[in-house]
Amino acid sequence: MVVSDVNIEVRRGEVVGLLGPNGAGKTTTFYMIVGMIKPTAGKVFLDGVNISREPMYKRARMGIGYLSQEASVFRKLSVRDNILAVLEVMGIPRTERERRCQQLMEEFAIAHLARHKGYMLSGGERRRTEIARALATEPRFILLDEPFAGIDPIAVEDIMRIVHDLKNRNIGVLVTDHNVHETLFITDRSYLLFEGKILKSGTAEFLAGDSEARRLYLGEKFKLDRYE
């Protein structure tokens, strides 16, 4: 999908949504930010530094984490080894790797699954493992691609809490998902892409009340749900 004049800003400590119908350019935009696609025009900045020419692995080292829509856990590795695999390439002492791994497992309530293989995990457990592993690199920003896909309602609430925790860690979060209600609920503000361009941007309340956003994407009967 070709995108044009897409100007997105994510600050640390806030959650920003990227919404739009299929083919709107959400995935293309995500891929350009993380370095999976090279833009033919435009630039990507990280804390004021132009990283447009940096490969994906360097962007990750600079502080951009990415959680793909597809399952990314190593299926034949345990939860513990999934996290350690990331920590081992960071060049930190073994004792520190073990400490940080244990801390992440406890924070994301997966310590009891430490020896479970990736293929044994439920959708919610897999997501928590993937996010814990992404945080092992201590990113400043993290992009979540369809975090609510393929998980049950209880796990959806779990992911919502985790995103809130990421915000409290002063991590900037950019999230895209077809579950509009859940995405709008967790975001401070969102961008609505349509046919490769930003159609609207603003808070959940603004987008839910905007006639053009309702007509082209949300639907005329859309109601903004609130969770307890």
C-alpha atoms as a PDB file:
ATOM      1  CA  MET A   1       0.000   0.000   0.000  1.00  0.00           C
ATOM      2  CA  VAL A   2       1.338   3.439  -0.968  1.00  0.00           C
ATOM      3  CA  VAL A   3       1.153   6.005   1.812  1.00  0.00           C
ATOM      4  CA  SER A   4       1.466   9.753   1.346  1.00  0.00           C
ATOM      5  CA  ASP A   5       2.061  12.610   3.784  1.00  0.00           C
ATOM      6  CA  VAL A   6       1.691  10.343   6.813  1.00  0.00           C
ATOM      7  CA  ASN A   7       3.119  12.353   9.698  1.00  0.00           C
ATOM      8  CA  ILE A   8       2.956  10.468  13.006  1.00  0.00           C
ATOM      9  CA  GLU A   9       4.439  11.414  16.351  1.00  0.00           C
ATOM     10  CA  VAL A  10       4.690   9.196  19.418  1.00  0.00           C
ATOM     11  CA  ARG A  11       6.050  10.565  22.668  1.00  0.00           C
ATOM     12  CA  ARG A  12       7.454   8.538  25.516  1.00  0.00           C
ATOM     13  CA  GLY A  13       4.890   7.644  28.132  1.00  0.00           C
ATOM     14  CA  GLU A  14       1.880   7.753  25.822  1.00  0.00           C
ATOM     15  CA  VAL A  15      -0.144   5.217  23.851  1.00  0.00           C
ATOM     16  CA  VAL A  16      -1.017   6.110  20.266  1.00  0.00           C
ATOM     17  CA  GLY A  17      -3.347   4.169  17.990  1.00  0.00           C
ATOM     18  CA  LEU A  18      -3.062   3.646  14.244  1.00  0.00           C
ATOM     19  CA  LEU A  19      -6.493   2.777  12.881  1.00  0.00           C
ATOM     20  CA  GLY A  20      -8.009   2.228   9.469  1.00  0.00           C
ATOM     21  CA  PRO A  21      -9.671  -0.315   7.176  1.00  0.00           C
ATOM     22  CA  ASN A  22      -7.770  -3.061   5.377  1.00  0.00           C
ATOM     23  CA  GLY A  23      -5.478  -1.564   2.761  1.00  0.00           C
ATOM     24  CA  ALA A  24      -5.330   1.833   4.448  1.00  0.00           C
ATOM     25  CA  GLY A  25      -1.559   1.673   4.897  1.00  0.00           C
ATOM     26  CA  LYS A  26      -1.239   0.752   8.572  1.00  0.00           C
ATOM     27  CA  THR A  27       1.096  -2.190   8.034  1.00  0.00           C
ATOM     28  CA  THR A  28       3.218  -0.259   5.537  1.00  0.00           C
ATOM     29  CA  THR A  29       3.587   2.582   8.031  1.00  0.00           C
ATOM     30  CA  PHE A  30       4.550   0.159  10.800  1.00  0.00           C
ATOM     31  CA  TYR A  31       7.131  -1.537   8.597  1.00  0.00           C
ATOM     32  CA  MET A  32       8.711   1.777   7.614  1.00  0.00           C
ATOM     33  CA  ILE A  33       9.073   2.806  11.253  1.00  0.00           C
ATOM     34  CA  VAL A  34      10.736  -0.436  12.377  1.00  0.00           C
ATOM     35  CA  GLY A  35      12.899  -0.678   9.252  1.00  0.00           C
ATOM     36  CA  MET A  36      11.318  -3.600   7.411  1.00  0.00           C
ATOM     37  CA  ILE A  37      10.482  -1.341   4.456  1.00  0.00           C
ATOM     38  CA  LYS A  38      12.580   1.534   3.141  1.00  0.00           C
ATOM     39  CA  PRO A  39      10.461   4.595   2.324  1.00  0.00           C
ATOM     40  CA  THR A  40      10.980   6.206  -1.083  1.00  0.00           C
ATOM     41  CA  ALA A  41      10.378   9.588   0.528  1.00  0.00           C
ATOM     42  CA  GLY A  42      10.060  10.990   4.007  1.00  0.00           C
ATOM     43  CA  LYS A  43      12.095  10.368   7.142  1.00  0.00           C
ATOM     44  CA  VAL A  44      11.908   8.496  10.429  1.00  0.00           C
ATOM     45  CA  PHE A  45      13.252  10.205  13.541  1.00  0.00           C
ATOM     46  CA  LEU A  46      14.024   8.763  16.963  1.00  0.00           C
ATOM     47  CA  ASP A  47      14.417  11.442  19.633  1.00  0.00           C
ATOM     48  CA  GLY A  48      15.414  13.920  16.936  1.00  0.00           C
ATOM     49  CA  VAL A  49      17.924  11.602  15.226  1.00  0.00           C
ATOM     50  CA  ASN A  50      17.277  10.634  11.604  1.00  0.00           C
ATOM     51  CA  ILE A  51      17.252   6.820  11.500  1.00  0.00           C
ATOM     52  CA  SER A  52      15.723   6.442   8.038  1.00  0.00           C
ATOM     53  CA  ARG A  53      18.783   4.622   6.675  1.00  0.00           C
ATOM     54  CA  GLU A  54      19.358   2.409   9.703  1.00  0.00           C
ATOM     55  CA  PRO A  55      18.527  -1.313   9.357  1.00  0.00           C
ATOM     56  CA  MET A  56      15.961  -2.934  11.602  1.00  0.00           C
ATOM     57  CA  TYR A  57      18.456  -4.496  14.017  1.00  0.00           C
ATOM     58  CA  LYS A  58      20.151  -1.149  14.625  1.00  0.00           C
ATOM     59  CA  ARG A  59      16.822   0.547  15.243  1.00  0.00           C
ATOM     60  CA  ALA A  60      16.078  -2.143  17.802  1.00  0.00           C
ATOM     61  CA  ARG A  61      19.380  -1.449  19.553  1.00  0.00           C
ATOM     62  CA  MET A  62      18.574   2.264  19.506  1.00  0.00           C
ATOM     63  CA  GLY A  63      15.327   1.662  21.357  1.00  0.00           C
ATOM     64  CA  ILE A  64      12.525   0.651  18.970  1.00  0.00           C
ATOM     65  CA  GLY A  65      10.818  -2.592  19.953  1.00  0.00           C
ATOM     66  CA  TYR A  66       8.373  -4.419  17.699  1.00  0.00           C
ATOM     67  CA  LEU A  67       5.782  -7.099  18.384  1.00  0.00           C
ATOM     68  CA  SER A  68       4.449  -8.604  15.166  1.00  0.00           C
ATOM     69  CA  GLN A  69       0.952  -9.901  14.611  1.00  0.00           C
ATOM     70  CA  GLU A  70       2.248 -13.398  13.896  1.00  0.00           C
ATOM     71  CA  ALA A  71       3.402 -15.611  16.744  1.00  0.00           C
ATOM     72  CA  SER A  72       7.087 -14.900  17.295  1.00  0.00           C
ATOM     73  CA  VAL A  73       7.949 -17.143  20.236  1.00  0.00           C
ATOM     74  CA  PHE A  74      10.468 -19.869  19.543  1.00  0.00           C
ATOM     75  CA  ARG A  75       8.107 -22.822  19.709  1.00  0.00           C
ATOM     76  CA  LYS A  76      10.676 -25.390  20.825  1.00  0.00           C
ATOM     77  CA  LEU A  77      12.283 -23.170  23.462  1.00  0.00           C
ATOM     78  CA  SER A  78      10.972 -22.696  26.978  1.00  0.00           C
ATOM     79  CA  VAL A  79       9.550 -19.365  28.118  1.00  0.00           C
ATOM     80  CA  ARG A  80      12.735 -18.770  30.086  1.00  0.00           C
ATOM     81  CA  ASP A  81      14.987 -19.560  27.131  1.00  0.00           C
ATOM     82  CA  ASN A  82      12.882 -17.364  24.835  1.00  0.00           C
ATOM     83  CA  ILE A  83      13.729 -14.373  27.010  1.00  0.00           C
ATOM     84  CA  LEU A  84      17.339 -15.413  27.618  1.00  0.00           C
ATOM     85  CA  ALA A  85      17.884 -15.738  23.862  1.00  0.00           C
ATOM     86  CA  VAL A  86      17.378 -11.987  23.544  1.00  0.00           C
ATOM     87  CA  LEU A  87      19.400 -11.116  26.633  1.00  0.00           C
ATOM     88  CA  GLU A  88      22.360 -13.210  25.482  1.00  0.00           C
ATOM     89  CA  VAL A  89      22.976 -11.030  22.423  1.00  0.00           C
ATOM     90  CA  MET A  90      23.134  -7.891  24.559  1.00  0.00           C
ATOM     91  CA  GLY A  91      26.569  -8.640  25.950  1.00  0.00           C
ATOM     92  CA  ILE A  92      25.665  -8.496  29.634  1.00  0.00           C
ATOM     93  CA  PRO A  93      27.036 -10.835  32.332  1.00  0.00           C
ATOM     94  CA  ARG A  94      25.280 -14.150  32.884  1.00  0.00           C
ATOM     95  CA  THR A  95      24.156 -13.321  36.417  1.00  0.00           C
ATOM     96  CA  GLU A  96      22.559 -10.107  35.163  1.00  0.00           C
ATOM     97  CA  ARG A  97      20.841 -12.002  32.338  1.00  0.00           C
ATOM     98  CA  GLU A  98      19.393 -14.478  34.809  1.00  0.00           C
ATOM     99  CA  ARG A  99      18.237 -11.704  37.130  1.00  0.00           C
ATOM    100  CA  ARG A 100      16.583  -9.695  34.378  1.00  0.00           C
ATOM    101  CA  CYS A 101      14.928 -12.788  32.908  1.00  0.00           C
ATOM    102  CA  GLN A 102      13.436 -13.746  36.267  1.00  0.00           C
ATOM    103  CA  GLN A 103      12.271 -10.186  36.856  1.00  0.00           C
ATOM    104  CA  LEU A 104      10.495 -10.038  33.493  1.00  0.00           C
ATOM    105  CA  MET A 105       8.818 -13.401  34.026  1.00  0.00           C
ATOM    106  CA  GLU A 106       7.528 -12.285  37.406  1.00  0.00           C
ATOM    107  CA  GLU A 107       6.332  -8.923  36.110  1.00  0.00           C
ATOM    108  CA  PHE A 108       4.316 -10.554  33.343  1.00  0.00           C
ATOM    109  CA  ALA A 109       3.011 -13.429  35.475  1.00  0.00           C
ATOM    110  CA  ILE A 110       4.744 -16.145  33.453  1.00  0.00           C
ATOM    111  CA  ALA A 111       7.314 -17.308  36.027  1.00  0.00           C
ATOM    112  CA  HIS A 112       5.242 -20.440  36.645  1.00  0.00           C
ATOM    113  CA  LEU A 113       5.538 -21.174  32.910  1.00  0.00           C
ATOM    114  CA  ALA A 114       9.327 -20.827  32.840  1.00  0.00           C
ATOM    115  CA  ARG A 115       9.912 -24.404  31.644  1.00  0.00           C
ATOM    116  CA  HIS A 116       6.925 -24.566  29.290  1.00  0.00           C
ATOM    117  CA  LYS A 117       7.781 -24.757  25.591  1.00  0.00           C
ATOM    118  CA  GLY A 118       6.454 -22.070  23.266  1.00  0.00           C
ATOM    119  CA  TYR A 119       4.035 -24.428  21.539  1.00  0.00           C
ATOM    120  CA  MET A 120       2.390 -25.245  24.877  1.00  0.00           C
ATOM    121  CA  LEU A 121       1.280 -21.668  25.600  1.00  0.00           C
ATOM    122  CA  SER A 122      -2.205 -20.226  25.235  1.00  0.00           C
ATOM    123  CA  GLY A 123      -2.745 -17.093  23.160  1.00  0.00           C
ATOM    124  CA  GLY A 124      -2.575 -14.816  26.195  1.00  0.00           C
ATOM    125  CA  GLU A 125       0.477 -16.572  27.645  1.00  0.00           C
ATOM    126  CA  ARG A 126       2.234 -16.323  24.299  1.00  0.00           C
ATOM    127  CA  ARG A 127       1.493 -12.603  24.058  1.00  0.00           C
ATOM    128  CA  ARG A 128       2.823 -11.971  27.575  1.00  0.00           C
ATOM    129  CA  THR A 129       5.982 -13.920  26.736  1.00  0.00           C
ATOM    130  CA  GLU A 130       6.468 -11.959  23.521  1.00  0.00           C
ATOM    131  CA  ILE A 131       6.045  -8.618  25.287  1.00  0.00           C
ATOM    132  CA  ALA A 132       8.390  -9.654  28.110  1.00  0.00           C
ATOM    133  CA  ARG A 133      10.965 -10.666  25.517  1.00  0.00           C
ATOM    134  CA  ALA A 134      10.534  -7.364  23.668  1.00  0.00           C
ATOM    135  CA  LEU A 135      11.147  -5.479  26.912  1.00  0.00           C
ATOM    136  CA  ALA A 136      14.362  -7.406  27.541  1.00  0.00           C
ATOM    137  CA  THR A 137      16.121  -4.937  25.237  1.00  0.00           C
ATOM    138  CA  GLU A 138      14.788  -2.034  27.347  1.00  0.00           C
ATOM    139  CA  PRO A 139      13.187  -0.153  24.427  1.00  0.00           C
ATOM    140  CA  ARG A 140      12.147   3.478  24.561  1.00  0.00           C
ATOM    141  CA  PHE A 141       9.310   2.813  22.130  1.00  0.00           C
ATOM    142  CA  ILE A 142       7.411  -0.323  21.199  1.00  0.00           C
ATOM    143  CA  LEU A 143       5.121  -1.022  18.252  1.00  0.00           C
ATOM    144  CA  LEU A 144       2.327  -3.534  18.816  1.00  0.00           C
ATOM    145  CA  ASP A 145       0.818  -5.060  15.666  1.00  0.00           C
ATOM    146  CA  GLU A 146      -2.611  -6.616  16.351  1.00  0.00           C
ATOM    147  CA  PRO A 147      -1.920  -7.387  20.053  1.00  0.00           C
ATOM    148  CA  PHE A 148      -5.549  -8.464  20.594  1.00  0.00           C
ATOM    149  CA  ALA A 149      -5.623 -10.939  17.701  1.00  0.00           C
ATOM    150  CA  GLY A 150      -6.236 -14.597  18.510  1.00  0.00           C
ATOM    151  CA  ILE A 151      -6.739 -14.243  22.264  1.00  0.00           C
ATOM    152  CA  ASP A 152      -9.754 -14.775  24.512  1.00  0.00           C
ATOM    153  CA  PRO A 153     -11.663 -11.969  26.337  1.00  0.00           C
ATOM    154  CA  ILE A 154      -9.798 -12.494  29.615  1.00  0.00           C
ATOM    155  CA  ALA A 155      -6.469 -12.217  27.804  1.00  0.00           C
ATOM    156  CA  VAL A 156      -7.704  -9.019  26.114  1.00  0.00           C
ATOM    157  CA  GLU A 157      -8.107  -7.412  29.535  1.00  0.00           C
ATOM    158  CA  ASP A 158      -4.655  -8.713  30.441  1.00  0.00           C
ATOM    159  CA  ILE A 159      -3.091  -7.069  27.382  1.00  0.00           C
ATOM    160  CA  MET A 160      -4.878  -3.816  28.210  1.00  0.00           C
ATOM    161  CA  ARG A 161      -3.287  -3.801  31.644  1.00  0.00           C
ATOM    162  CA  ILE A 162       0.122  -4.568  30.154  1.00  0.00           C
ATOM    163  CA  VAL A 163      -0.143  -1.659  27.708  1.00  0.00           C
ATOM    164  CA  HIS A 164      -1.042   0.603  30.637  1.00  0.00           C
ATOM    165  CA  ASP A 165       2.055  -0.675  32.458  1.00  0.00           C
ATOM    166  CA  LEU A 166       4.221   0.064  29.410  1.00  0.00           C
ATOM    167  CA  LYS A 167       2.970   3.635  29.499  1.00  0.00           C
ATOM    168  CA  ASN A 168       3.804   3.876  33.201  1.00  0.00           C
ATOM    169  CA  ARG A 169       7.349   2.705  32.367  1.00  0.00           C
ATOM    170  CA  ASN A 170       7.645   5.846  30.214  1.00  0.00           C
ATOM    171  CA  ILE A 171       7.671   3.746  27.042  1.00  0.00           C
ATOM    172  CA  GLY A 172       6.008   5.209  23.970  1.00  0.00           C
ATOM    173  CA  VAL A 173       3.538   2.719  22.469  1.00  0.00           C
ATOM    174  CA  LEU A 174       2.170   2.666  18.920  1.00  0.00           C
ATOM    175  CA  VAL A 175      -0.582   0.099  18.463  1.00  0.00           C
ATOM    176  CA  THR A 176      -2.673  -1.012  15.519  1.00  0.00           C
ATOM    177  CA  ASP A 177      -5.529  -3.493  15.777  1.00  0.00           C
ATOM    178  CA  HIS A 178      -8.843  -4.294  14.099  1.00  0.00           C
ATOM    179  CA  ASN A 179     -10.483  -4.450  17.523  1.00  0.00           C
ATOM    180  CA  VAL A 180     -11.437  -0.782  17.449  1.00  0.00           C
ATOM    181  CA  HIS A 181     -13.164  -0.570  20.837  1.00  0.00           C
ATOM    182  CA  GLU A 182     -10.219  -2.064  22.699  1.00  0.00           C
ATOM    183  CA  THR A 183      -7.682   0.032  20.803  1.00  0.00           C
ATOM    184  CA  LEU A 184      -9.501   3.312  21.388  1.00  0.00           C
ATOM    185  CA  PHE A 185      -9.925   2.445  25.052  1.00  0.00           C
ATOM    186  CA  ILE A 186      -6.194   2.055  25.714  1.00  0.00           C
ATOM    187  CA  THR A 187      -4.924   4.954  23.591  1.00  0.00           C
ATOM    188  CA  ASP A 188      -4.377   8.571  24.558  1.00  0.00           C
ATOM    189  CA  ARG A 189      -4.976   9.548  20.948  1.00  0.00           C
ATOM    190  CA  SER A 190      -5.148   7.859  17.556  1.00  0.00           C
ATOM    191  CA  TYR A 191      -4.552   8.412  13.868  1.00  0.00           C
ATOM    192  CA  LEU A 192      -7.137   7.199  11.355  1.00  0.00           C
ATOM    193  CA  LEU A 193      -5.609   6.189   8.031  1.00  0.00           C
ATOM    194  CA  PHE A 194      -7.738   5.990   4.905  1.00  0.00           C
ATOM    195  CA  GLU A 195      -6.429   5.214   1.415  1.00  0.00           C
ATOM    196  CA  GLY A 196      -2.839   5.865   2.449  1.00  0.00           C
ATOM    197  CA  LYS A 197      -3.392   9.221   4.115  1.00  0.00           C
ATOM    198  CA  ILE A 198      -4.253  10.449   7.595  1.00  0.00           C
ATOM    199  CA  LEU A 199      -7.967  11.168   7.527  1.00  0.00           C
ATOM    200  CA  LYS A 200      -8.377  12.212  11.160  1.00  0.00           C
ATOM    201  CA  SER A 201      -6.433  12.255  14.412  1.00  0.00           C
ATOM    202  CA  GLY A 202      -7.413  12.887  17.998  1.00  0.00           C
ATOM    203  CA  THR A 203      -8.739  11.333  21.177  1.00  0.00           C
ATOM    204  CA  ALA A 204     -11.126   8.397  21.258  1.00  0.00           C
ATOM    205  CA  GLU A 205     -14.002  10.745  22.060  1.00  0.00           C
ATOM    206  CA  PHE A 206     -13.143  13.003  19.129  1.00  0.00           C
ATOM    207  CA  LEU A 207     -12.933  10.162  16.607  1.00  0.00           C
ATOM    208  CA  ALA A 208     -16.088   8.479  17.904  1.00  0.00           C
ATOM    209  CA  GLY A 209     -17.999  11.719  17.459  1.00  0.00           C
ATOM    210  CA  ASP A 210     -16.554  12.694  14.079  1.00  0.00           C
ATOM    211  CA  SER A 211     -19.080  12.262  11.279  1.00  0.00           C
ATOM    212  CA  GLU A 212     -16.486  11.503   8.586  1.00  0.00           C
ATOM    213  CA  ALA A 213     -14.683   8.931  10.738  1.00  0.00           C
ATOM    214  CA  ARG A 214     -18.020   7.231  11.424  1.00  0.00           C
ATOM    215  CA  ARG A 215     -19.082   7.301   7.786  1.00  0.00           C
ATOM    216  CA  LEU A 216     -15.845   5.923   6.339  1.00  0.00           C
ATOM    217  CA  TYR A 217     -14.620   3.575   9.063  1.00  0.00           C
ATOM    218  CA  LEU A 218     -16.313   3.313  12.455  1.00  0.00           C
ATOM    219  CA  GLY A 219     -19.891   3.011  11.225  1.00  0.00           C
ATOM    220  CA  GLU A 220     -22.869   5.216  11.994  1.00  0.00           C
ATOM    221  CA  LYS A 221     -23.969   3.058  14.932  1.00  0.00           C
ATOM    222  CA  PHE A 222     -20.545   2.982  16.574  1.00  0.00           C
ATOM    223  CA  LYS A 223     -20.547   3.534  20.330  1.00  0.00           C
ATOM    224  CA  LEU A 224     -17.466   4.100  22.438  1.00  0.00           C
ATOM    225  CA  ASP A 225     -17.449   1.398  25.103  1.00  0.00           C
ATOM    226  CA  ARG A 226     -15.918   1.986  28.484  1.00  0.00           C
ATOM    227  CA  TYR A 227     -14.471  -0.802  30.614  1.00  0.00           C
ATOM    228  CA  GLU A 228     -14.566  -0.902  34.381  1.00  0.00           C
END
